[in-house]
mmCIF file of all heavy atoms, coordinates in Angstrom:
data_MODEL
# 
_entry.id   MODEL 
# 
loop_
_atom_site.group_PDB 
_atom_site.id 
_atom_site.type_symbol 
_atom_site.label_atom_id 
_atom_site.label_alt_id 
_atom_site.label_comp_id 
_atom_site.label_asym_id 
_atom_site.label_entity_id 
_atom_site.label_seq_id 
_atom_site.pdbx_PDB_ins_code 
_atom_site.Cartn_x 
_atom_site.Cartn_y 
_atom_site.Cartn_z 
_atom_site.occupancy 
_atom_site.B_iso_or_equiv 
_atom_site.pdbx_formal_charge 
_atom_site.auth_seq_id 
_atom_site.auth_comp_id 
_atom_site.auth_asym_id 
_atom_site.auth_atom_id 
_atom_site.pdbx_PDB_model_num 
ATOM 1   N N   . LYS A 1 1  ? 12.199  -4.440 -10.453 1.00 0.00 ? 1  LYS A N   1 
ATOM 2   C CA  . LYS A 1 1  ? 10.932  -3.747 -10.726 1.00 0.00 ? 1  LYS A CA  1 
ATOM 3   C C   . LYS A 1 1  ? 9.950   -3.623 -9.474  1.00 0.00 ? 1  LYS A C   1 
ATOM 4   O O   . LYS A 1 1  ? 9.445   -2.553 -9.174  1.00 0.00 ? 1  LYS A O   1 
ATOM 5   C CB  . LYS A 1 1  ? 10.224  -4.331 -11.910 1.00 0.00 ? 1  LYS A CB  1 
ATOM 6   C CG  . LYS A 1 1  ? 9.140   -3.373 -12.485 1.00 0.00 ? 1  LYS A CG  1 
ATOM 7   C CD  . LYS A 1 1  ? 8.581   -4.016 -13.708 1.00 0.00 ? 1  LYS A CD  1 
ATOM 8   C CE  . LYS A 1 1  ? 7.491   -3.134 -14.291 1.00 0.00 ? 1  LYS A CE  1 
ATOM 9   N NZ  . LYS A 1 1  ? 6.913   -3.648 -15.560 1.00 0.00 ? 1  LYS A NZ  1 
ATOM 10  N N   . ALA A 1 2  ? 9.809   -4.767 -8.821  1.00 0.00 ? 2  ALA A N   1 
ATOM 11  C CA  . ALA A 1 2  ? 8.925   -4.751 -7.588  1.00 0.00 ? 2  ALA A CA  1 
ATOM 12  C C   . ALA A 1 2  ? 9.609   -3.927 -6.474  1.00 0.00 ? 2  ALA A C   1 
ATOM 13  O O   . ALA A 1 2  ? 8.811   -3.265 -5.842  1.00 0.00 ? 2  ALA A O   1 
ATOM 14  C CB  . ALA A 1 2  ? 8.729   -6.329 -7.233  1.00 0.00 ? 2  ALA A CB  1 
ATOM 15  N N   . LYS A 1 3  ? 10.850  -3.827 -6.383  1.00 0.00 ? 3  LYS A N   1 
ATOM 16  C CA  . LYS A 1 3  ? 11.506  -3.070 -5.383  1.00 0.00 ? 3  LYS A CA  1 
ATOM 17  C C   . LYS A 1 3  ? 11.263  -1.581 -5.682  1.00 0.00 ? 3  LYS A C   1 
ATOM 18  O O   . LYS A 1 3  ? 10.891  -0.815 -4.798  1.00 0.00 ? 3  LYS A O   1 
ATOM 19  C CB  . LYS A 1 3  ? 12.977  -3.428 -5.326  1.00 0.00 ? 3  LYS A CB  1 
ATOM 20  C CG  . LYS A 1 3  ? 13.701  -2.822 -4.152  1.00 0.00 ? 3  LYS A CG  1 
ATOM 21  C CD  . LYS A 1 3  ? 15.182  -3.051 -4.196  1.00 0.00 ? 3  LYS A CD  1 
ATOM 22  C CE  . LYS A 1 3  ? 15.398  -4.565 -4.110  1.00 0.00 ? 3  LYS A CE  1 
ATOM 23  N NZ  . LYS A 1 3  ? 16.801  -4.881 -4.101  1.00 0.00 ? 3  LYS A NZ  1 
ATOM 24  N N   . GLN A 1 4  ? 11.452  -1.167 -6.918  1.00 0.00 ? 4  GLN A N   1 
ATOM 25  C CA  . GLN A 1 4  ? 11.097  0.062  -7.361  1.00 0.00 ? 4  GLN A CA  1 
ATOM 26  C C   . GLN A 1 4  ? 9.609   0.527  -7.109  1.00 0.00 ? 4  GLN A C   1 
ATOM 27  O O   . GLN A 1 4  ? 9.426   1.766  -6.634  1.00 0.00 ? 4  GLN A O   1 
ATOM 28  C CB  . GLN A 1 4  ? 11.396  0.432  -8.823  1.00 0.00 ? 4  GLN A CB  1 
ATOM 29  C CG  . GLN A 1 4  ? 12.974  0.282  -9.183  1.00 0.00 ? 4  GLN A CG  1 
ATOM 30  C CD  . GLN A 1 4  ? 13.349  0.352  -10.476 1.00 0.00 ? 4  GLN A CD  1 
ATOM 31  O OE1 . GLN A 1 4  ? 12.493  0.619  -11.367 1.00 0.00 ? 4  GLN A OE1 1 
ATOM 32  N NE2 . GLN A 1 4  ? 14.565  0.305  -10.968 1.00 0.00 ? 4  GLN A NE2 1 
ATOM 33  N N   . LEU A 1 5  ? 8.632   -0.283 -7.412  1.00 0.00 ? 5  LEU A N   1 
ATOM 34  C CA  . LEU A 1 5  ? 7.248   -0.103 -7.124  1.00 0.00 ? 5  LEU A CA  1 
ATOM 35  C C   . LEU A 1 5  ? 6.995   0.224  -5.735  1.00 0.00 ? 5  LEU A C   1 
ATOM 36  O O   . LEU A 1 5  ? 6.218   1.007  -5.343  1.00 0.00 ? 5  LEU A O   1 
ATOM 37  C CB  . LEU A 1 5  ? 6.467   -1.195 -7.821  1.00 0.00 ? 5  LEU A CB  1 
ATOM 38  C CG  . LEU A 1 5  ? 6.396   -1.269 -9.255  1.00 0.00 ? 5  LEU A CG  1 
ATOM 39  C CD1 . LEU A 1 5  ? 5.614   -2.409 -9.672  1.00 0.00 ? 5  LEU A CD1 1 
ATOM 40  C CD2 . LEU A 1 5  ? 5.702   0.030  -9.843  1.00 0.00 ? 5  LEU A CD2 1 
ATOM 41  N N   . ARG A 1 6  ? 7.570   -0.630 -4.917  1.00 0.00 ? 6  ARG A N   1 
ATOM 42  C CA  . ARG A 1 6  ? 7.503   -0.545 -3.504  1.00 0.00 ? 6  ARG A CA  1 
ATOM 43  C C   . ARG A 1 6  ? 7.950   0.742  -2.958  1.00 0.00 ? 6  ARG A C   1 
ATOM 44  O O   . ARG A 1 6  ? 7.414   1.488  -2.078  1.00 0.00 ? 6  ARG A O   1 
ATOM 45  C CB  . ARG A 1 6  ? 8.179   -1.639 -2.636  1.00 0.00 ? 6  ARG A CB  1 
ATOM 46  C CG  . ARG A 1 6  ? 7.292   -2.967 -2.774  1.00 0.00 ? 6  ARG A CG  1 
ATOM 47  C CD  . ARG A 1 6  ? 7.858   -3.996 -1.738  1.00 0.00 ? 6  ARG A CD  1 
ATOM 48  N NE  . ARG A 1 6  ? 9.192   -4.427 -1.934  1.00 0.00 ? 6  ARG A NE  1 
ATOM 49  C CZ  . ARG A 1 6  ? 9.643   -5.386 -2.645  1.00 0.00 ? 6  ARG A CZ  1 
ATOM 50  N NH1 . ARG A 1 6  ? 8.796   -6.070 -3.291  1.00 0.00 ? 6  ARG A NH1 1 
ATOM 51  N NH2 . ARG A 1 6  ? 10.993  -5.693 -2.704  1.00 0.00 ? 6  ARG A NH2 1 
ATOM 52  N N   . ALA A 1 7  ? 9.248   1.147  -3.554  1.00 0.00 ? 7  ALA A N   1 
ATOM 53  C CA  . ALA A 1 7  ? 9.816   2.496  -3.061  1.00 0.00 ? 7  ALA A CA  1 
ATOM 54  C C   . ALA A 1 7  ? 8.831   3.509  -3.483  1.00 0.00 ? 7  ALA A C   1 
ATOM 55  O O   . ALA A 1 7  ? 8.564   4.589  -2.738  1.00 0.00 ? 7  ALA A O   1 
ATOM 56  C CB  . ALA A 1 7  ? 11.055  2.641  -3.734  1.00 0.00 ? 7  ALA A CB  1 
ATOM 57  N N   . MET A 1 8  ? 8.271   3.633  -4.735  1.00 0.00 ? 8  MET A N   1 
ATOM 58  C CA  . MET A 1 8  ? 7.379   4.566  -5.317  1.00 0.00 ? 8  MET A CA  1 
ATOM 59  C C   . MET A 1 8  ? 6.139   4.711  -4.372  1.00 0.00 ? 8  MET A C   1 
ATOM 60  O O   . MET A 1 8  ? 5.694   5.757  -4.110  1.00 0.00 ? 8  MET A O   1 
ATOM 61  C CB  . MET A 1 8  ? 7.056   4.392  -6.709  1.00 0.00 ? 8  MET A CB  1 
ATOM 62  C CG  . MET A 1 8  ? 8.270   4.501  -7.697  1.00 0.00 ? 8  MET A CG  1 
ATOM 63  S SD  . MET A 1 8  ? 7.852   4.090  -9.297  1.00 0.00 ? 8  MET A SD  1 
ATOM 64  C CE  . MET A 1 8  ? 6.629   5.281  -9.822  1.00 0.00 ? 8  MET A CE  1 
ATOM 65  N N   . ARG A 1 9  ? 5.597   3.512  -4.057  1.00 0.00 ? 9  ARG A N   1 
ATOM 66  C CA  . ARG A 1 9  ? 4.277   3.536  -3.231  1.00 0.00 ? 9  ARG A CA  1 
ATOM 67  C C   . ARG A 1 9  ? 4.642   4.159  -1.936  1.00 0.00 ? 9  ARG A C   1 
ATOM 68  O O   . ARG A 1 9  ? 3.827   4.872  -1.323  1.00 0.00 ? 9  ARG A O   1 
ATOM 69  C CB  . ARG A 1 9  ? 3.892   2.132  -3.155  1.00 0.00 ? 9  ARG A CB  1 
ATOM 70  C CG  . ARG A 1 9  ? 3.227   1.553  -4.393  1.00 0.00 ? 9  ARG A CG  1 
ATOM 71  C CD  . ARG A 1 9  ? 2.832   0.131  -4.123  1.00 0.00 ? 9  ARG A CD  1 
ATOM 72  N NE  . ARG A 1 9  ? 2.373   -0.428 -5.399  1.00 0.00 ? 9  ARG A NE  1 
ATOM 73  C CZ  . ARG A 1 9  ? 1.996   -1.782 -5.579  1.00 0.00 ? 9  ARG A CZ  1 
ATOM 74  N NH1 . ARG A 1 9  ? 2.421   -2.747 -4.672  1.00 0.00 ? 9  ARG A NH1 1 
ATOM 75  N NH2 . ARG A 1 9  ? 1.570   -2.184 -6.793  1.00 0.00 ? 9  ARG A NH2 1 
ATOM 76  N N   . LYS A 1 10 ? 5.741   3.804  -1.352  1.00 0.00 ? 10 LYS A N   1 
ATOM 77  C CA  . LYS A 1 10 ? 6.130   4.248  -0.005  1.00 0.00 ? 10 LYS A CA  1 
ATOM 78  C C   . LYS A 1 10 ? 6.233   5.857  -0.093  1.00 0.00 ? 10 LYS A C   1 
ATOM 79  O O   . LYS A 1 10 ? 5.822   6.542  0.770   1.00 0.00 ? 10 LYS A O   1 
ATOM 80  C CB  . LYS A 1 10 ? 7.438   3.640  0.490   1.00 0.00 ? 10 LYS A CB  1 
ATOM 81  C CG  . LYS A 1 10 ? 7.818   4.025  1.936   1.00 0.00 ? 10 LYS A CG  1 
ATOM 82  C CD  . LYS A 1 10 ? 8.994   3.164  2.246   1.00 0.00 ? 10 LYS A CD  1 
ATOM 83  C CE  . LYS A 1 10 ? 9.466   3.460  3.701   1.00 0.00 ? 10 LYS A CE  1 
ATOM 84  N NZ  . LYS A 1 10 ? 10.684  2.660  4.057   1.00 0.00 ? 10 LYS A NZ  1 
ATOM 85  N N   . TYR A 1 11 ? 6.880   6.237  -1.117  1.00 0.00 ? 11 TYR A N   1 
ATOM 86  C CA  . TYR A 1 11 ? 7.156   7.718  -1.268  1.00 0.00 ? 11 TYR A CA  1 
ATOM 87  C C   . TYR A 1 11 ? 5.908   8.399  -1.536  1.00 0.00 ? 11 TYR A C   1 
ATOM 88  O O   . TYR A 1 11 ? 5.586   9.559  -0.946  1.00 0.00 ? 11 TYR A O   1 
ATOM 89  C CB  . TYR A 1 11 ? 8.128   8.050  -2.521  1.00 0.00 ? 11 TYR A CB  1 
ATOM 90  C CG  . TYR A 1 11 ? 8.351   9.507  -2.736  1.00 0.00 ? 11 TYR A CG  1 
ATOM 91  C CD1 . TYR A 1 11 ? 9.186   10.202 -2.054  1.00 0.00 ? 11 TYR A CD1 1 
ATOM 92  C CD2 . TYR A 1 11 ? 7.664   10.016 -3.814  1.00 0.00 ? 11 TYR A CD2 1 
ATOM 93  C CE1 . TYR A 1 11 ? 9.359   11.466 -2.095  1.00 0.00 ? 11 TYR A CE1 1 
ATOM 94  C CE2 . TYR A 1 11 ? 7.861   11.459 -4.000  1.00 0.00 ? 11 TYR A CE2 1 
ATOM 95  C CZ  . TYR A 1 11 ? 8.744   12.150 -3.236  1.00 0.00 ? 11 TYR A CZ  1 
ATOM 96  O OH  . TYR A 1 11 ? 8.966   13.522 -3.515  1.00 0.00 ? 11 TYR A OH  1 
ATOM 97  N N   . GLY A 1 12 ? 5.023   7.778  -2.446  1.00 0.00 ? 12 GLY A N   1 
ATOM 98  C CA  . GLY A 1 12 ? 3.608   8.425  -2.626  1.00 0.00 ? 12 GLY A CA  1 
ATOM 99  C C   . GLY A 1 12 ? 2.825   8.557  -1.274  1.00 0.00 ? 12 GLY A C   1 
ATOM 100 O O   . GLY A 1 12 ? 2.074   9.490  -1.014  1.00 0.00 ? 12 GLY A O   1 
ATOM 101 N N   . LYS A 1 13 ? 2.801   7.455  -0.514  1.00 0.00 ? 13 LYS A N   1 
ATOM 102 C CA  . LYS A 1 13 ? 2.187   7.483  0.799   1.00 0.00 ? 13 LYS A CA  1 
ATOM 103 C C   . LYS A 1 13 ? 2.665   8.535  1.643   1.00 0.00 ? 13 LYS A C   1 
ATOM 104 O O   . LYS A 1 13 ? 1.866   9.220  2.375   1.00 0.00 ? 13 LYS A O   1 
ATOM 105 C CB  . LYS A 1 13 ? 2.173   6.043  1.345   1.00 0.00 ? 13 LYS A CB  1 
ATOM 106 C CG  . LYS A 1 13 ? 1.335   5.825  2.466   1.00 0.00 ? 13 LYS A CG  1 
ATOM 107 C CD  . LYS A 1 13 ? 1.292   4.450  2.931   1.00 0.00 ? 13 LYS A CD  1 
ATOM 108 C CE  . LYS A 1 13 ? 0.429   4.172  4.134   1.00 0.00 ? 13 LYS A CE  1 
ATOM 109 N NZ  . LYS A 1 13 ? 0.528   2.795  4.673   1.00 0.00 ? 13 LYS A NZ  1 
ATOM 110 N N   . LYS A 1 14 ? 3.915   8.710  1.709   1.00 0.00 ? 14 LYS A N   1 
ATOM 111 C CA  . LYS A 1 14 ? 4.524   9.627  2.513   1.00 0.00 ? 14 LYS A CA  1 
ATOM 112 C C   . LYS A 1 14 ? 4.074   11.082 2.039   1.00 0.00 ? 14 LYS A C   1 
ATOM 113 O O   . LYS A 1 14 ? 3.805   12.011 2.916   1.00 0.00 ? 14 LYS A O   1 
ATOM 114 C CB  . LYS A 1 14 ? 5.974   9.630  2.480   1.00 0.00 ? 14 LYS A CB  1 
ATOM 115 C CG  . LYS A 1 14 ? 6.802   10.574 3.358   1.00 0.00 ? 14 LYS A CG  1 
ATOM 116 C CD  . LYS A 1 14 ? 8.356   10.295 3.184   1.00 0.00 ? 14 LYS A CD  1 
ATOM 117 C CE  . LYS A 1 14 ? 9.013   11.356 4.038   1.00 0.00 ? 14 LYS A CE  1 
ATOM 118 N NZ  . LYS A 1 14 ? 10.537  11.221 3.976   1.00 0.00 ? 14 LYS A NZ  1 
ATOM 119 N N   . VAL A 1 15 ? 4.113   11.428 0.803   1.00 0.00 ? 15 VAL A N   1 
ATOM 120 C CA  . VAL A 1 15 ? 3.698   12.756 0.257   1.00 0.00 ? 15 VAL A CA  1 
ATOM 121 C C   . VAL A 1 15 ? 2.165   12.965 0.613   1.00 0.00 ? 15 VAL A C   1 
ATOM 122 O O   . VAL A 1 15 ? 1.755   14.015 0.996   1.00 0.00 ? 15 VAL A O   1 
ATOM 123 C CB  . VAL A 1 15 ? 3.921   12.708 -1.263  1.00 0.00 ? 15 VAL A CB  1 
ATOM 124 C CG1 . VAL A 1 15 ? 3.305   13.957 -1.693  1.00 0.00 ? 15 VAL A CG1 1 
ATOM 125 C CG2 . VAL A 1 15 ? 5.363   12.749 -1.408  1.00 0.00 ? 15 VAL A CG2 1 
ATOM 126 N N   . GLN A 1 16 ? 1.320   11.942 0.466   1.00 0.00 ? 16 GLN A N   1 
ATOM 127 C CA  . GLN A 1 16 ? 0.063   12.051 0.741   1.00 0.00 ? 16 GLN A CA  1 
ATOM 128 C C   . GLN A 1 16 ? -0.294  12.284 2.175   1.00 0.00 ? 16 GLN A C   1 
ATOM 129 O O   . GLN A 1 16 ? -1.101  13.204 2.572   1.00 0.00 ? 16 GLN A O   1 
ATOM 130 C CB  . GLN A 1 16 ? -0.701  10.690 0.370   1.00 0.00 ? 16 GLN A CB  1 
ATOM 131 C CG  . GLN A 1 16 ? -2.235  10.770 0.405   1.00 0.00 ? 16 GLN A CG  1 
ATOM 132 C CD  . GLN A 1 16 ? -2.932  9.551  -0.072  1.00 0.00 ? 16 GLN A CD  1 
ATOM 133 O OE1 . GLN A 1 16 ? -2.290  8.561  -0.255  1.00 0.00 ? 16 GLN A OE1 1 
ATOM 134 N NE2 . GLN A 1 16 ? -4.273  9.561  -0.129  1.00 0.00 ? 16 GLN A NE2 1 
ATOM 135 N N   . THR A 1 17 ? 0.404   11.615 3.050   1.00 0.00 ? 17 THR A N   1 
ATOM 136 C CA  . THR A 1 17 ? 0.314   11.931 4.517   1.00 0.00 ? 17 THR A CA  1 
ATOM 137 C C   . THR A 1 17 ? 0.677   13.273 4.892   1.00 0.00 ? 17 THR A C   1 
ATOM 138 O O   . THR A 1 17 ? 0.095   14.022 5.681   1.00 0.00 ? 17 THR A O   1 
ATOM 139 C CB  . THR A 1 17 ? 1.178   10.884 5.248   1.00 0.00 ? 17 THR A CB  1 
ATOM 140 O OG1 . THR A 1 17 ? 0.805   9.576  4.919   1.00 0.00 ? 17 THR A OG1 1 
ATOM 141 C CG2 . THR A 1 17 ? 0.987   11.078 6.811   1.00 0.00 ? 17 THR A CG2 1 
ATOM 142 N N   . GLU A 1 18 ? 1.796   13.861 4.220   1.00 0.00 ? 18 GLU A N   1 
ATOM 143 C CA  . GLU A 1 18 ? 2.255   15.141 4.439   1.00 0.00 ? 18 GLU A CA  1 
ATOM 144 C C   . GLU A 1 18 ? 1.190   16.216 4.040   1.00 0.00 ? 18 GLU A C   1 
ATOM 145 O O   . GLU A 1 18 ? 0.941   17.243 4.659   1.00 0.00 ? 18 GLU A O   1 
ATOM 146 C CB  . GLU A 1 18 ? 3.603   15.376 3.787   1.00 0.00 ? 18 GLU A CB  1 
ATOM 147 C CG  . GLU A 1 18 ? 4.773   14.678 4.329   1.00 0.00 ? 18 GLU A CG  1 
ATOM 148 C CD  . GLU A 1 18 ? 5.986   14.991 3.666   1.00 0.00 ? 18 GLU A CD  1 
ATOM 149 O OE1 . GLU A 1 18 ? 5.932   15.576 2.611   1.00 0.00 ? 18 GLU A OE1 1 
ATOM 150 O OE2 . GLU A 1 18 ? 7.173   14.453 4.045   1.00 0.00 ? 18 GLU A OE2 1 
ATOM 151 N N   . ILE A 1 19 ? 0.619   15.968 2.884   1.00 0.00 ? 19 ILE A N   1 
ATOM 152 C CA  . ILE A 1 19 ? -0.489  16.817 2.378   1.00 0.00 ? 19 ILE A CA  1 
ATOM 153 C C   . ILE A 1 19 ? -1.588  16.851 3.319   1.00 0.00 ? 19 ILE A C   1 
ATOM 154 O O   . ILE A 1 19 ? -2.237  17.906 3.639   1.00 0.00 ? 19 ILE A O   1 
ATOM 155 C CB  . ILE A 1 19 ? -0.779  16.450 0.982   1.00 0.00 ? 19 ILE A CB  1 
ATOM 156 C CG1 . ILE A 1 19 ? 0.290   16.664 -0.090  1.00 0.00 ? 19 ILE A CG1 1 
ATOM 157 C CG2 . ILE A 1 19 ? -2.018  17.186 0.558   1.00 0.00 ? 19 ILE A CG2 1 
ATOM 158 C CD1 . ILE A 1 19 ? 0.142   16.115 -1.431  1.00 0.00 ? 19 ILE A CD1 1 
ATOM 159 N N   . LEU A 1 20 ? -2.004  15.687 3.759   1.00 0.00 ? 20 LEU A N   1 
ATOM 160 C CA  . LEU A 1 20 ? -3.192  15.678 4.685   1.00 0.00 ? 20 LEU A CA  1 
ATOM 161 C C   . LEU A 1 20 ? -3.012  16.342 6.021   1.00 0.00 ? 20 LEU A C   1 
ATOM 162 O O   . LEU A 1 20 ? -3.806  17.118 6.541   1.00 0.00 ? 20 LEU A O   1 
ATOM 163 C CB  . LEU A 1 20 ? -3.653  14.201 4.929   1.00 0.00 ? 20 LEU A CB  1 
ATOM 164 C CG  . LEU A 1 20 ? -4.250  13.492 3.740   1.00 0.00 ? 20 LEU A CG  1 
ATOM 165 C CD1 . LEU A 1 20 ? -4.471  12.052 4.165   1.00 0.00 ? 20 LEU A CD1 1 
ATOM 166 C CD2 . LEU A 1 20 ? -5.599  14.049 3.291   1.00 0.00 ? 20 LEU A CD2 1 
ATOM 167 N N   . GLN A 1 21 ? -1.758  16.140 6.485   1.00 0.00 ? 21 GLN A N   1 
ATOM 168 C CA  . GLN A 1 21 ? -1.398  16.971 7.756   1.00 0.00 ? 21 GLN A CA  1 
ATOM 169 C C   . GLN A 1 21 ? -1.422  18.345 7.559   1.00 0.00 ? 21 GLN A C   1 
ATOM 170 O O   . GLN A 1 21 ? -1.803  19.180 8.429   1.00 0.00 ? 21 GLN A O   1 
ATOM 171 C CB  . GLN A 1 21 ? -0.079  16.402 8.193   1.00 0.00 ? 21 GLN A CB  1 
ATOM 172 C CG  . GLN A 1 21 ? -0.026  14.923 8.732   1.00 0.00 ? 21 GLN A CG  1 
ATOM 173 C CD  . GLN A 1 21 ? 1.416   14.501 9.112   1.00 0.00 ? 21 GLN A CD  1 
ATOM 174 O OE1 . GLN A 1 21 ? 2.429   15.085 9.020   1.00 0.00 ? 21 GLN A OE1 1 
ATOM 175 N NE2 . GLN A 1 21 ? 1.430   13.353 9.658   1.00 0.00 ? 21 GLN A NE2 1 
ATOM 176 N N   . ARG A 1 22 ? -0.782  18.801 6.359   1.00 0.00 ? 22 ARG A N   1 
ATOM 177 C CA  . ARG A 1 22 ? -0.766  20.213 6.039   1.00 0.00 ? 22 ARG A CA  1 
ATOM 178 C C   . ARG A 1 22 ? -2.160  20.849 6.003   1.00 0.00 ? 22 ARG A C   1 
ATOM 179 O O   . ARG A 1 22 ? -2.302  22.024 6.622   1.00 0.00 ? 22 ARG A O   1 
ATOM 180 C CB  . ARG A 1 22 ? 0.119   20.546 4.860   1.00 0.00 ? 22 ARG A CB  1 
ATOM 181 C CG  . ARG A 1 22 ? 0.272   21.955 4.587   1.00 0.00 ? 22 ARG A CG  1 
ATOM 182 C CD  . ARG A 1 22 ? 1.143   22.325 3.451   1.00 0.00 ? 22 ARG A CD  1 
ATOM 183 N NE  . ARG A 1 22 ? 0.554   22.076 2.173   1.00 0.00 ? 22 ARG A NE  1 
ATOM 184 C CZ  . ARG A 1 22 ? 0.855   20.995 1.323   1.00 0.00 ? 22 ARG A CZ  1 
ATOM 185 N NH1 . ARG A 1 22 ? 1.740   20.208 1.797   1.00 0.00 ? 22 ARG A NH1 1 
ATOM 186 N NH2 . ARG A 1 22 ? 0.283   20.836 0.224   1.00 0.00 ? 22 ARG A NH2 1 
ATOM 187 N N   . ARG A 1 23 ? -3.009  20.128 5.327   1.00 0.00 ? 23 ARG A N   1 
ATOM 188 C CA  . ARG A 1 23 ? -4.427  20.520 5.180   1.00 0.00 ? 23 ARG A CA  1 
ATOM 189 C C   . ARG A 1 23 ? -5.193  20.769 6.507   1.00 0.00 ? 23 ARG A C   1 
ATOM 190 O O   . ARG A 1 23 ? -5.824  21.697 6.869   1.00 0.00 ? 23 ARG A O   1 
ATOM 191 C CB  . ARG A 1 23 ? -5.271  19.693 4.249   1.00 0.00 ? 23 ARG A CB  1 
ATOM 192 C CG  . ARG A 1 23 ? -4.879  19.854 2.860   1.00 0.00 ? 23 ARG A CG  1 
ATOM 193 C CD  . ARG A 1 23 ? -5.736  18.940 1.937   1.00 0.00 ? 23 ARG A CD  1 
ATOM 194 N NE  . ARG A 1 23 ? -5.267  18.985 0.572   1.00 0.00 ? 23 ARG A NE  1 
ATOM 195 C CZ  . ARG A 1 23 ? -5.839  18.154 -0.347  1.00 0.00 ? 23 ARG A CZ  1 
ATOM 196 N NH1 . ARG A 1 23 ? -6.561  17.235 -0.081  1.00 0.00 ? 23 ARG A NH1 1 
ATOM 197 N NH2 . ARG A 1 23 ? -5.383  18.360 -1.658  1.00 0.00 ? 23 ARG A NH2 1 
ATOM 198 N N   . GLN A 1 24 ? -4.833  19.662 7.439   1.00 0.00 ? 24 GLN A N   1 
ATOM 199 C CA  . GLN A 1 24 ? -5.368  19.749 8.712   1.00 0.00 ? 24 GLN A CA  1 
ATOM 200 C C   . GLN A 1 24 ? -4.952  20.936 9.494   1.00 0.00 ? 24 GLN A C   1 
ATOM 201 O O   . GLN A 1 24 ? -5.809  21.636 10.327  1.00 0.00 ? 24 GLN A O   1 
ATOM 202 C CB  . GLN A 1 24 ? -5.274  18.435 9.476   1.00 0.00 ? 24 GLN A CB  1 
ATOM 203 C CG  . GLN A 1 24 ? -6.088  17.232 8.794   1.00 0.00 ? 24 GLN A CG  1 
ATOM 204 C CD  . GLN A 1 24 ? -5.668  16.004 9.572   1.00 0.00 ? 24 GLN A CD  1 
ATOM 205 O OE1 . GLN A 1 24 ? -4.903  16.015 10.475  1.00 0.00 ? 24 GLN A OE1 1 
ATOM 206 N NE2 . GLN A 1 24 ? -6.381  14.858 9.041   1.00 0.00 ? 24 GLN A NE2 1 
ATOM 207 N N   . LYS A 1 25 ? -3.644  21.177 9.439   1.00 0.00 ? 25 LYS A N   1 
ATOM 208 C CA  . LYS A 1 25 ? -3.030  22.309 10.067  1.00 0.00 ? 25 LYS A CA  1 
ATOM 209 C C   . LYS A 1 25 ? -3.688  23.591 9.718   1.00 0.00 ? 25 LYS A C   1 
ATOM 210 O O   . LYS A 1 25 ? -4.008  24.458 10.479  1.00 0.00 ? 25 LYS A O   1 
ATOM 211 C CB  . LYS A 1 25 ? -1.553  22.251 10.013  1.00 0.00 ? 25 LYS A CB  1 
ATOM 212 C CG  . LYS A 1 25 ? -0.886  23.288 10.882  1.00 0.00 ? 25 LYS A CG  1 
ATOM 213 C CD  . LYS A 1 25 ? 0.678   23.042 10.666  1.00 0.00 ? 25 LYS A CD  1 
ATOM 214 C CE  . LYS A 1 25 ? 1.441   24.118 11.492  1.00 0.00 ? 25 LYS A CE  1 
ATOM 215 N NZ  . LYS A 1 25 ? 2.825   23.919 11.394  1.00 0.00 ? 25 LYS A NZ  1 
ATOM 216 N N   . GLU A 1 26 ? -3.793  23.812 8.390   1.00 0.00 ? 26 GLU A N   1 
ATOM 217 C CA  . GLU A 1 26 ? -4.453  24.990 7.884   1.00 0.00 ? 26 GLU A CA  1 
ATOM 218 C C   . GLU A 1 26 ? -5.800  25.257 8.225   1.00 0.00 ? 26 GLU A C   1 
ATOM 219 O O   . GLU A 1 26 ? -6.244  26.346 8.507   1.00 0.00 ? 26 GLU A O   1 
ATOM 220 C CB  . GLU A 1 26 ? -4.267  25.007 6.330   1.00 0.00 ? 26 GLU A CB  1 
ATOM 221 C CG  . GLU A 1 26 ? -2.850  25.152 5.748   1.00 0.00 ? 26 GLU A CG  1 
ATOM 222 C CD  . GLU A 1 26 ? -2.776  25.012 4.249   1.00 0.00 ? 26 GLU A CD  1 
ATOM 223 O OE1 . GLU A 1 26 ? -3.781  24.813 3.644   1.00 0.00 ? 26 GLU A OE1 1 
ATOM 224 O OE2 . GLU A 1 26 ? -1.682  25.197 3.712   1.00 0.00 ? 26 GLU A OE2 1 
ATOM 225 N N   . LYS A 1 27 ? -6.579  24.127 8.210   1.00 0.00 ? 27 LYS A N   1 
ATOM 226 C CA  . LYS A 1 27 ? -7.948  24.139 8.734   1.00 0.00 ? 27 LYS A CA  1 
ATOM 227 C C   . LYS A 1 27 ? -8.109  24.570 10.097  1.00 0.00 ? 27 LYS A C   1 
ATOM 228 O O   . LYS A 1 27 ? -8.933  25.467 10.541  1.00 0.00 ? 27 LYS A O   1 
ATOM 229 C CB  . LYS A 1 27 ? -8.719  22.792 8.358   1.00 0.00 ? 27 LYS A CB  1 
ATOM 230 C CG  . LYS A 1 27 ? -10.184 22.865 8.649   1.00 0.00 ? 27 LYS A CG  1 
ATOM 231 C CD  . LYS A 1 27 ? -10.707 21.489 8.342   1.00 0.00 ? 27 LYS A CD  1 
ATOM 232 C CE  . LYS A 1 27 ? -12.184 21.436 8.677   1.00 0.00 ? 27 LYS A CE  1 
ATOM 233 N NZ  . LYS A 1 27 ? -12.857 20.158 8.356   1.00 0.00 ? 27 LYS A NZ  1 
ATOM 234 N N   . LYS A 1 28 ? -7.164  24.018 10.965  1.00 0.00 ? 28 LYS A N   1 
ATOM 235 C CA  . LYS A 1 28 ? -7.159  24.259 12.335  1.00 0.00 ? 28 LYS A CA  1 
ATOM 236 C C   . LYS A 1 28 ? -6.904  25.830 12.650  1.00 0.00 ? 28 LYS A C   1 
ATOM 237 O O   . LYS A 1 28 ? -7.570  26.484 13.333  1.00 0.00 ? 28 LYS A O   1 
ATOM 238 C CB  . LYS A 1 28 ? -6.177  23.395 13.131  1.00 0.00 ? 28 LYS A CB  1 
ATOM 239 C CG  . LYS A 1 28 ? -6.266  23.486 14.667  1.00 0.00 ? 28 LYS A CG  1 
ATOM 240 C CD  . LYS A 1 28 ? -5.366  22.538 15.235  1.00 0.00 ? 28 LYS A CD  1 
ATOM 241 C CE  . LYS A 1 28 ? -5.369  22.730 16.811  1.00 0.00 ? 28 LYS A CE  1 
ATOM 242 N NZ  . LYS A 1 28 ? -4.328  21.650 17.322  1.00 0.00 ? 28 LYS A NZ  1 
ATOM 243 N N   . ASN A 1 29 ? -5.805  26.265 11.826  1.00 0.00 ? 29 ASN A N   1 
ATOM 244 C CA  . ASN A 1 29 ? -5.482  27.643 12.114  1.00 0.00 ? 29 ASN A CA  1 
ATOM 245 C C   . ASN A 1 29 ? -6.566  28.694 11.577  1.00 0.00 ? 29 ASN A C   1 
ATOM 246 O O   . ASN A 1 29 ? -6.785  29.606 12.318  1.00 0.00 ? 29 ASN A O   1 
ATOM 247 C CB  . ASN A 1 29 ? -4.138  27.967 11.286  1.00 0.00 ? 29 ASN A CB  1 
ATOM 248 C CG  . ASN A 1 29 ? -2.928  27.175 11.781  1.00 0.00 ? 29 ASN A CG  1 
ATOM 249 O OD1 . ASN A 1 29 ? -2.943  26.720 12.899  1.00 0.00 ? 29 ASN A OD1 1 
ATOM 250 N ND2 . ASN A 1 29 ? -2.000  26.964 10.908  1.00 0.00 ? 29 ASN A ND2 1 
# 
């Protein structure tokens, strides 16, 4: 269960980073 939670947190952090990068790129454009 702890392993699954770590994987979910890692995936959520990755998605959040991608969203922030996309927003910054759109703002810059």
